[in-house]
Amino acid sequence: MLSIISQIVFLLAIQTADNIAASEVAVTQPPSIDTCSLIEETDKKIADTDNGLSNYKEVKRNLEGQSSEGGVIAAYYDKDTLKKIETSFYGEMGKAVTEYYWDENFLLFVRSTLWHYNRPIYLDNSEVKSMEENLYYFYNKDLALWRSSKSQFFDPESNEFKNENQYLLKTAEEFRNLVEED
């Protein structure tokens, strides 16, 4: 099951990057004032979580066999409350890192970052050719805002947005269950 999850995450990261360039649902207008407040409040909670990581309990597992160069999942708990999960999958031609943040046991935010290398990582002079990042803000248990690294905002009424919402909620819960297994 985990192999399927990691493959889906890696493929989604690549697919999302391709979709951003060709997507007809992306819009470049700035968010509304309410959305600006959502971003500001969420960013503060993310900063608070990241600033507290050294005080949190960390649960870390290797995800061997999940990608060509392996992977890692790390979960961070404030006492018994999950605050963050970070997955990293490594490949010959890139790396995918996804960070999931929780607030009061609900998914708050997801940052998905994909790095593409100019040549396989094991060759000399391998370097990052490009990087794509997608930011996902949640409100009332659903995706409220999706922004690409090109500052494009995706239409919440589009099928792509709705599918991304379902996928992110499902994947976040699967990773949460994985780190909470004994």
C-alpha atoms as a PDB file:
ATOM      1  CA  MET A   1       0.000   0.000   0.000  1.00  0.00           C
ATOM      2  CA  LEU A   2       2.824   2.388   0.886  1.00  0.00           C
ATOM      3  CA  SER A   3       4.519   1.772  -2.456  1.00  0.00           C
ATOM      4  CA  ILE A   4       1.353   2.831  -4.224  1.00  0.00           C
ATOM      5  CA  ILE A   5       1.083   5.949  -2.039  1.00  0.00           C
ATOM      6  CA  SER A   6       4.633   7.049  -2.744  1.00  0.00           C
ATOM      7  CA  GLN A   7       4.305   6.425  -6.458  1.00  0.00           C
ATOM      8  CA  ILE A   8       1.086   8.409  -6.524  1.00  0.00           C
ATOM      9  CA  VAL A   9       2.694  11.281  -4.589  1.00  0.00           C
ATOM     10  CA  PHE A  10       5.691  11.394  -6.905  1.00  0.00           C
ATOM     11  CA  LEU A  11       3.576  11.120 -10.049  1.00  0.00           C
ATOM     12  CA  LEU A  12       1.128  13.722  -8.752  1.00  0.00           C
ATOM     13  CA  ALA A  13       3.976  16.143  -8.158  1.00  0.00           C
ATOM     14  CA  ILE A  14       5.162  15.695 -11.742  1.00  0.00           C
ATOM     15  CA  GLN A  15       1.610  15.781 -13.132  1.00  0.00           C
ATOM     16  CA  THR A  16       0.747  18.878 -11.111  1.00  0.00           C
ATOM     17  CA  ALA A  17       3.815  20.673 -12.440  1.00  0.00           C
ATOM     18  CA  ASP A  18       2.824  19.788 -16.010  1.00  0.00           C
ATOM     19  CA  ASN A  19      -0.801  20.791 -15.399  1.00  0.00           C
ATOM     20  CA  ILE A  20       0.174  24.192 -14.058  1.00  0.00           C
ATOM     21  CA  ALA A  21       1.806  25.108 -17.352  1.00  0.00           C
ATOM     22  CA  ALA A  22      -1.149  23.942 -19.426  1.00  0.00           C
ATOM     23  CA  SER A  23      -4.026  24.442 -17.062  1.00  0.00           C
ATOM     24  CA  GLU A  24      -6.975  26.492 -18.171  1.00  0.00           C
ATOM     25  CA  VAL A  25      -8.260  26.734 -14.609  1.00  0.00           C
ATOM     26  CA  ALA A  26      -5.307  28.733 -13.332  1.00  0.00           C
ATOM     27  CA  VAL A  27      -5.968  32.392 -12.777  1.00  0.00           C
ATOM     28  CA  THR A  28      -3.466  35.103 -11.937  1.00  0.00           C
ATOM     29  CA  GLN A  29      -5.708  37.516 -10.074  1.00  0.00           C
ATOM     30  CA  PRO A  30      -4.859  38.072  -6.402  1.00  0.00           C
ATOM     31  CA  PRO A  31      -6.987  36.445  -3.722  1.00  0.00           C
ATOM     32  CA  SER A  32      -9.821  38.240  -1.962  1.00  0.00           C
ATOM     33  CA  ILE A  33      -9.389  39.962   1.407  1.00  0.00           C
ATOM     34  CA  ASP A  34     -10.862  36.920   3.218  1.00  0.00           C
ATOM     35  CA  THR A  35      -8.365  34.682   1.471  1.00  0.00           C
ATOM     36  CA  CYS A  36      -5.563  37.062   2.420  1.00  0.00           C
ATOM     37  CA  SER A  37      -6.588  36.653   6.067  1.00  0.00           C
ATOM     38  CA  LEU A  38      -6.621  32.874   5.635  1.00  0.00           C
ATOM     39  CA  ILE A  39      -3.086  32.964   4.221  1.00  0.00           C
ATOM     40  CA  GLU A  40      -1.834  35.271   6.970  1.00  0.00           C
ATOM     41  CA  GLU A  41      -3.350  33.188   9.796  1.00  0.00           C
ATOM     42  CA  THR A  42      -2.190  29.910   8.266  1.00  0.00           C
ATOM     43  CA  ASP A  43       1.345  31.190   7.662  1.00  0.00           C
ATOM     44  CA  LYS A  44       1.548  32.218  11.324  1.00  0.00           C
ATOM     45  CA  LYS A  45       0.476  28.737  12.463  1.00  0.00           C
ATOM     46  CA  ILE A  46       3.023  27.157  10.090  1.00  0.00           C
ATOM     47  CA  ALA A  47       5.788  29.376  11.482  1.00  0.00           C
ATOM     48  CA  ASP A  48       4.761  28.489  15.039  1.00  0.00           C
ATOM     49  CA  THR A  49       4.890  24.784  14.190  1.00  0.00           C
ATOM     50  CA  ASP A  50       8.256  25.021  12.438  1.00  0.00           C
ATOM     51  CA  ASN A  51       9.712  27.094  15.282  1.00  0.00           C
ATOM     52  CA  GLY A  52       8.598  24.431  17.766  1.00  0.00           C
ATOM     53  CA  LEU A  53       9.895  21.367  15.896  1.00  0.00           C
ATOM     54  CA  SER A  54      12.895  20.932  18.210  1.00  0.00           C
ATOM     55  CA  ASN A  55      10.487  20.615  21.163  1.00  0.00           C
ATOM     56  CA  TYR A  56       8.211  18.075  19.480  1.00  0.00           C
ATOM     57  CA  LYS A  57       8.404  14.294  19.552  1.00  0.00           C
ATOM     58  CA  GLU A  58       9.650  13.048  16.183  1.00  0.00           C
ATOM     59  CA  VAL A  59       8.646   9.732  14.614  1.00  0.00           C
ATOM     60  CA  LYS A  60      10.742   8.900  11.567  1.00  0.00           C
ATOM     61  CA  ARG A  61      10.617   5.949   9.171  1.00  0.00           C
ATOM     62  CA  ASN A  62      12.524   4.998   6.065  1.00  0.00           C
ATOM     63  CA  LEU A  63      10.424   4.358   2.998  1.00  0.00           C
ATOM     64  CA  GLU A  64      12.755   1.939   1.241  1.00  0.00           C
ATOM     65  CA  GLY A  65      11.660   0.665  -2.134  1.00  0.00           C
ATOM     66  CA  GLN A  66       9.208   3.513  -2.610  1.00  0.00           C
ATOM     67  CA  SER A  67      11.298   5.396  -5.173  1.00  0.00           C
ATOM     68  CA  SER A  68      14.522   4.748  -7.049  1.00  0.00           C
ATOM     69  CA  GLU A  69      16.678   6.375  -4.353  1.00  0.00           C
ATOM     70  CA  GLY A  70      14.480   5.776  -1.290  1.00  0.00           C
ATOM     71  CA  GLY A  71      12.360   7.973   0.895  1.00  0.00           C
ATOM     72  CA  VAL A  72      11.693   9.143   4.438  1.00  0.00           C
ATOM     73  CA  ILE A  73       8.608  10.106   6.414  1.00  0.00           C
ATOM     74  CA  ALA A  74       8.834  12.156   9.603  1.00  0.00           C
ATOM     75  CA  ALA A  75       5.972  13.112  11.915  1.00  0.00           C
ATOM     76  CA  TYR A  76       6.124  15.725  14.665  1.00  0.00           C
ATOM     77  CA  TYR A  77       3.907  15.654  17.752  1.00  0.00           C
ATOM     78  CA  ASP A  78       3.304  18.277  20.425  1.00  0.00           C
ATOM     79  CA  LYS A  79       2.567  15.856  23.252  1.00  0.00           C
ATOM     80  CA  ASP A  80       0.019  13.563  21.539  1.00  0.00           C
ATOM     81  CA  THR A  81      -1.146  16.111  18.961  1.00  0.00           C
ATOM     82  CA  LEU A  82       0.100  15.698  15.401  1.00  0.00           C
ATOM     83  CA  LYS A  83       1.484  18.993  14.086  1.00  0.00           C
ATOM     84  CA  LYS A  84       3.376  18.081  10.920  1.00  0.00           C
ATOM     85  CA  ILE A  85       4.280  15.234   8.581  1.00  0.00           C
ATOM     86  CA  GLU A  86       7.040  15.570   6.016  1.00  0.00           C
ATOM     87  CA  THR A  87       7.597  13.045   3.242  1.00  0.00           C
ATOM     88  CA  SER A  88      10.681  13.011   1.040  1.00  0.00           C
ATOM     89  CA  PHE A  89      11.053  10.797  -2.007  1.00  0.00           C
ATOM     90  CA  TYR A  90      14.334  10.704  -3.908  1.00  0.00           C
ATOM     91  CA  GLY A  91      14.819   9.750  -7.531  1.00  0.00           C
ATOM     92  CA  GLU A  92      17.639   9.759 -10.032  1.00  0.00           C
ATOM     93  CA  MET A  93      16.326  12.888 -11.732  1.00  0.00           C
ATOM     94  CA  GLY A  94      14.626  14.696  -8.864  1.00  0.00           C
ATOM     95  CA  LYS A  95      13.299  14.909  -5.365  1.00  0.00           C
ATOM     96  CA  ALA A  96       9.744  15.396  -4.064  1.00  0.00           C
ATOM     97  CA  VAL A  97       9.098  16.801  -0.583  1.00  0.00           C
ATOM     98  CA  THR A  98       5.592  17.246   0.792  1.00  0.00           C
ATOM     99  CA  GLU A  99       4.831  18.876   4.125  1.00  0.00           C
ATOM    100  CA  TYR A 100       1.448  18.373   5.783  1.00  0.00           C
ATOM    101  CA  TYR A 101       0.500  20.672   8.679  1.00  0.00           C
ATOM    102  CA  TRP A 102      -2.320  20.021  11.151  1.00  0.00           C
ATOM    103  CA  ASP A 103      -4.160  22.358  13.494  1.00  0.00           C
ATOM    104  CA  GLU A 104      -6.452  20.842  16.122  1.00  0.00           C
ATOM    105  CA  ASN A 105      -6.385  17.488  14.284  1.00  0.00           C
ATOM    106  CA  PHE A 106      -7.503  18.977  10.969  1.00  0.00           C
ATOM    107  CA  LEU A 107      -5.380  19.398   7.875  1.00  0.00           C
ATOM    108  CA  LEU A 108      -4.363  23.053   7.727  1.00  0.00           C
ATOM    109  CA  PHE A 109      -1.830  23.352   4.928  1.00  0.00           C
ATOM    110  CA  VAL A 110       0.189  21.311   2.423  1.00  0.00           C
ATOM    111  CA  ARG A 111       3.366  22.394   0.631  1.00  0.00           C
ATOM    112  CA  SER A 112       4.475  20.170  -2.237  1.00  0.00           C
ATOM    113  CA  THR A 113       7.910  20.874  -3.714  1.00  0.00           C
ATOM    114  CA  LEU A 114       9.486  19.078  -6.654  1.00  0.00           C
ATOM    115  CA  TRP A 115      13.089  19.520  -7.741  1.00  0.00           C
ATOM    116  CA  HIS A 116      14.240  18.368 -11.203  1.00  0.00           C
ATOM    117  CA  TYR A 117      17.946  17.668 -11.766  1.00  0.00           C
ATOM    118  CA  ASN A 118      19.786  18.333 -15.015  1.00  0.00           C
ATOM    119  CA  ARG A 119      21.239  14.804 -14.926  1.00  0.00           C
ATOM    120  CA  PRO A 120      21.036  11.776 -12.663  1.00  0.00           C
ATOM    121  CA  ILE A 121      22.095  12.668  -9.131  1.00  0.00           C
ATOM    122  CA  TYR A 122      24.860  10.059  -9.078  1.00  0.00           C
ATOM    123  CA  LEU A 123      26.744  11.753 -11.967  1.00  0.00           C
ATOM    124  CA  ASP A 124      29.283  14.518 -11.433  1.00  0.00           C
ATOM    125  CA  ASN A 125      28.038  18.089 -11.807  1.00  0.00           C
ATOM    126  CA  SER A 126      24.432  17.141 -11.191  1.00  0.00           C
ATOM    127  CA  GLU A 127      22.455  20.190 -10.159  1.00  0.00           C
ATOM    128  CA  VAL A 128      18.920  21.426  -9.757  1.00  0.00           C
ATOM    129  CA  LYS A 129      17.479  22.386 -13.147  1.00  0.00           C
ATOM    130  CA  SER A 130      14.110  23.589 -11.900  1.00  0.00           C
ATOM    131  CA  MET A 131      11.855  23.644  -8.880  1.00  0.00           C
ATOM    132  CA  GLU A 132       8.068  23.734  -8.647  1.00  0.00           C
ATOM    133  CA  GLU A 133       6.052  24.383  -5.541  1.00  0.00           C
ATOM    134  CA  ASN A 134       2.340  24.148  -4.844  1.00  0.00           C
ATOM    135  CA  LEU A 135       0.743  25.607  -1.733  1.00  0.00           C
ATOM    136  CA  TYR A 136      -2.588  24.306  -0.481  1.00  0.00           C
ATOM    137  CA  TYR A 137      -4.558  26.150   2.206  1.00  0.00           C
ATOM    138  CA  PHE A 138      -7.429  24.362   3.966  1.00  0.00           C
ATOM    139  CA  TYR A 139     -10.415  25.853   5.741  1.00  0.00           C
ATOM    140  CA  ASN A 140     -13.334  24.002   7.378  1.00  0.00           C
ATOM    141  CA  LYS A 141     -11.813  20.626   6.467  1.00  0.00           C
ATOM    142  CA  ASP A 142     -11.554  21.379   2.729  1.00  0.00           C
ATOM    143  CA  LEU A 143      -9.120  22.928   0.293  1.00  0.00           C
ATOM    144  CA  ALA A 144      -9.827  26.659   0.125  1.00  0.00           C
ATOM    145  CA  LEU A 145      -6.874  27.940  -1.919  1.00  0.00           C
ATOM    146  CA  TRP A 146      -4.356  26.359  -4.277  1.00  0.00           C
ATOM    147  CA  ARG A 147      -1.415  28.477  -5.420  1.00  0.00           C
ATOM    148  CA  SER A 148       1.383  27.401  -7.754  1.00  0.00           C
ATOM    149  CA  SER A 149       5.000  28.538  -7.707  1.00  0.00           C
ATOM    150  CA  LYS A 150       4.075  30.897 -10.529  1.00  0.00           C
ATOM    151  CA  SER A 151       1.616  32.640  -8.184  1.00  0.00           C
ATOM    152  CA  GLN A 152      -1.324  31.232 -10.084  1.00  0.00           C
ATOM    153  CA  PHE A 153      -4.499  30.675  -8.095  1.00  0.00           C
ATOM    154  CA  PHE A 154      -6.702  27.779  -9.158  1.00  0.00           C
ATOM    155  CA  ASP A 155     -10.451  28.039  -9.527  1.00  0.00           C
ATOM    156  CA  PRO A 156     -12.154  26.312  -6.559  1.00  0.00           C
ATOM    157  CA  GLU A 157     -15.090  25.361  -8.789  1.00  0.00           C
ATOM    158  CA  SER A 158     -12.945  23.423 -11.276  1.00  0.00           C
ATOM    159  CA  ASN A 159     -12.864  19.621 -11.327  1.00  0.00           C
ATOM    160  CA  GLU A 160      -9.081  19.746 -11.034  1.00  0.00           C
ATOM    161  CA  PHE A 161      -9.357  21.693  -7.760  1.00  0.00           C
ATOM    162  CA  LYS A 162     -12.023  19.345  -6.375  1.00  0.00           C
ATOM    163  CA  ASN A 163      -9.978  16.273  -7.317  1.00  0.00           C
ATOM    164  CA  GLU A 164      -6.870  17.767  -5.726  1.00  0.00           C
ATOM    165  CA  ASN A 165      -8.835  18.396  -2.520  1.00  0.00           C
ATOM    166  CA  GLN A 166      -9.964  14.754  -2.323  1.00  0.00           C
ATOM    167  CA  TYR A 167      -6.497  13.469  -3.157  1.00  0.00           C
ATOM    168  CA  LEU A 168      -4.717  15.627  -0.563  1.00  0.00           C
ATOM    169  CA  LEU A 169      -7.157  14.773   2.224  1.00  0.00           C
ATOM    170  CA  LYS A 170      -6.894  11.047   1.451  1.00  0.00           C
ATOM    171  CA  THR A 171      -3.098  11.036   1.151  1.00  0.00           C
ATOM    172  CA  ALA A 172      -2.633  13.085   4.332  1.00  0.00           C
ATOM    173  CA  GLU A 173      -4.788  10.632   6.261  1.00  0.00           C
ATOM    174  CA  GLU A 174      -2.933   7.628   4.807  1.00  0.00           C
ATOM    175  CA  PHE A 175       0.424   9.089   5.861  1.00  0.00           C
ATOM    176  CA  ARG A 176      -1.000   9.929   9.282  1.00  0.00           C
ATOM    177  CA  ASN A 177      -2.148   6.323   9.703  1.00  0.00           C
ATOM    178  CA  LEU A 178       1.257   5.067   8.561  1.00  0.00           C
ATOM    179  CA  VAL A 179       3.206   7.019  11.194  1.00  0.00           C
ATOM    180  CA  GLU A 180       0.706   6.118  13.912  1.00  0.00           C
ATOM    181  CA  GLU A 181       1.050   2.366  13.285  1.00  0.00           C
ATOM    182  CA  ASP A 182       2.896   0.487  16.043  1.00  0.00           C
END
